[in-house]
């Protein structure tokens, strides 16, 4: 339906996922691996669901995947806050990443609203016998 690589929201979500990977690279202690893994997974899920939605053939399916992507954003926010609270990320790092997630969420809402409506299907009347 759409070329996801041209979408600013996908580009920002992709950058966010890569940045989270870089920022959490030093969290190697075993007790930190779970939150780091969850944070990375949820962050990568945002861009992945955007591109999967863009490959769907209907507006409704595309919007469904944009909603899934939007749902991964607050999950990522939660994991970022925990990562900050337990010292994986500094407050400055977390605030910068949280700001990007906020931008992604707003852009996802705007994209869903801008998707072209599907053409109405003609109503076929059934013959009555």
Protein backbone atom coordinates (compact mmCIF):
# COMPACT_ATOMS: atom_id res chain seq x y z
CA UNK A 1 0.00 0.00 0.00
CA UNK A 2 2.78 2.46 0.95
CA UNK A 3 6.57 2.59 0.73
CA UNK A 4 7.37 2.65 4.44
CA UNK A 5 10.96 3.83 3.83
CA UNK A 6 9.62 7.19 2.69
CA UNK A 7 7.63 7.76 5.88
CA UNK A 8 9.20 10.17 8.35
CA UNK A 9 7.56 8.30 11.23
CA UNK A 10 9.17 5.03 10.17
CA UNK A 11 12.57 6.72 9.80
CA UNK A 12 12.29 8.24 13.28
CA UNK A 13 11.09 4.95 14.82
CA UNK A 14 13.97 3.10 13.16
CA UNK A 15 16.48 5.66 14.45
CA UNK A 16 14.93 5.35 17.91
CA UNK A 17 15.38 1.56 17.90
CA UNK A 18 19.01 1.85 16.82
CA UNK A 19 19.69 4.57 19.38
CA UNK A 20 18.20 2.46 22.17
CA UNK A 21 20.46 -0.42 21.16
CA UNK A 22 23.52 1.85 21.31
CA UNK A 23 22.50 3.45 24.61
CA UNK A 24 21.94 0.09 26.31
CA UNK A 25 25.03 -1.66 24.95
CA UNK A 26 26.91 -1.28 28.23
CA UNK A 27 24.18 -2.99 30.29
CA UNK A 28 25.90 -6.36 30.43
CA UNK A 29 25.23 -7.42 34.02
CA UNK A 30 22.88 -10.44 34.04
CA UNK A 31 20.28 -8.70 36.19
CA UNK A 32 20.00 -5.88 33.63
CA UNK A 33 19.58 -8.09 30.58
CA UNK A 34 15.84 -8.65 31.00
CA UNK A 35 14.85 -4.97 30.99
CA UNK A 36 17.36 -4.22 28.23
CA UNK A 37 15.93 -7.02 26.12
CA UNK A 38 12.34 -5.87 26.72
CA UNK A 39 13.25 -2.26 25.94
CA UNK A 40 14.97 -3.19 22.70
CA UNK A 41 12.16 -5.51 21.63
CA UNK A 42 9.41 -2.98 22.19
CA UNK A 43 11.39 -0.19 20.50
CA UNK A 44 12.10 -2.31 17.42
CA UNK A 45 8.46 -3.37 17.29
CA UNK A 46 7.37 0.20 16.55
CA UNK A 47 9.14 0.48 13.18
CA UNK A 48 8.50 -3.18 12.32
CA UNK A 49 4.75 -2.76 12.69
CA UNK A 50 4.77 0.43 10.63
CA UNK A 51 6.45 -1.34 7.74
CA UNK A 52 4.25 -4.41 8.10
CA UNK A 53 1.15 -2.21 8.02
CA UNK A 54 2.35 -0.46 4.90
CA UNK A 55 2.49 -3.82 3.16
CA UNK A 56 -1.18 -4.53 3.78
CA UNK A 57 -3.72 -4.21 1.02
CA UNK A 58 -6.45 -2.36 2.87
CA UNK A 59 -6.65 0.85 4.87
CA UNK A 60 -8.20 -1.01 7.78
CA UNK A 61 -5.32 -3.49 7.94
CA UNK A 62 -2.76 -0.70 7.65
CA UNK A 63 -4.41 1.22 10.49
CA UNK A 64 -4.49 -1.94 12.62
CA UNK A 65 -0.71 -2.26 12.36
CA UNK A 66 -0.21 1.46 12.97
CA UNK A 67 -2.25 0.99 16.15
CA UNK A 68 -0.04 -1.93 17.16
CA UNK A 69 3.01 0.27 16.56
CA UNK A 70 1.39 3.02 18.62
CA UNK A 71 0.77 0.48 21.39
CA UNK A 72 4.45 -0.43 21.49
CA UNK A 73 5.36 3.22 22.11
CA UNK A 74 4.00 3.46 25.69
CA UNK A 75 5.48 0.02 26.42
CA UNK A 76 8.85 1.39 25.31
CA UNK A 77 8.28 4.49 27.44
CA UNK A 78 7.70 2.29 30.49
CA UNK A 79 10.87 0.28 29.86
CA UNK A 80 12.86 3.49 29.37
CA UNK A 81 11.64 4.83 32.70
CA UNK A 82 12.62 1.60 34.44
CA UNK A 83 16.00 1.62 32.68
CA UNK A 84 16.51 5.15 33.98
CA UNK A 85 15.34 4.25 37.47
CA UNK A 86 17.79 1.34 37.78
CA UNK A 87 20.73 3.16 36.23
CA UNK A 88 20.96 1.64 32.77
CA UNK A 89 20.26 5.08 31.27
CA UNK A 90 20.95 8.53 32.62
CA UNK A 91 18.07 10.94 33.09
CA UNK A 92 19.34 12.92 30.11
CA UNK A 93 19.46 9.85 27.85
CA UNK A 94 15.99 8.74 28.94
CA UNK A 95 14.46 12.19 28.44
CA UNK A 96 15.91 12.45 24.92
CA UNK A 97 14.54 9.03 23.99
CA UNK A 98 11.17 9.73 25.61
CA UNK A 99 10.89 12.90 23.55
CA UNK A 100 11.47 10.91 20.36
CA UNK A 101 8.82 8.38 21.37
CA UNK A 102 6.37 11.24 21.91
CA UNK A 103 7.10 12.48 18.40
CA UNK A 104 6.60 8.99 16.96
CA UNK A 105 3.23 8.67 18.73
CA UNK A 106 2.00 12.01 17.35
CA UNK A 107 3.23 11.14 13.86
CA UNK A 108 1.48 7.75 13.95
CA UNK A 109 -1.84 9.38 14.86
CA UNK A 110 -1.43 11.92 12.06
CA UNK A 111 -0.52 9.23 9.53
CA UNK A 112 -3.57 7.13 10.39
CA UNK A 113 -5.80 10.17 9.92
CA UNK A 114 -4.20 11.01 6.56
CA UNK A 115 -4.50 7.57 5.00
CA UNK A 116 -6.71 7.78 1.95
CA UNK A 117 -10.18 6.38 2.31
CA UNK A 118 -10.88 3.25 0.37
CA UNK A 119 -13.27 3.73 -2.53
CA UNK A 120 -16.82 2.78 -1.69
CA UNK A 121 -17.86 -0.51 -3.13
CA UNK A 122 -20.99 -0.33 -5.20
CA UNK A 123 -23.97 -1.80 -3.49
CA UNK A 124 -25.34 -4.71 -5.43
CA UNK A 125 -29.05 -5.15 -4.96
CA UNK A 126 -30.26 -8.69 -4.88
CA UNK A 127 -33.15 -9.59 -7.12
CA UNK A 128 -36.26 -10.53 -5.33
CA UNK A 129 -38.16 -13.37 -6.82
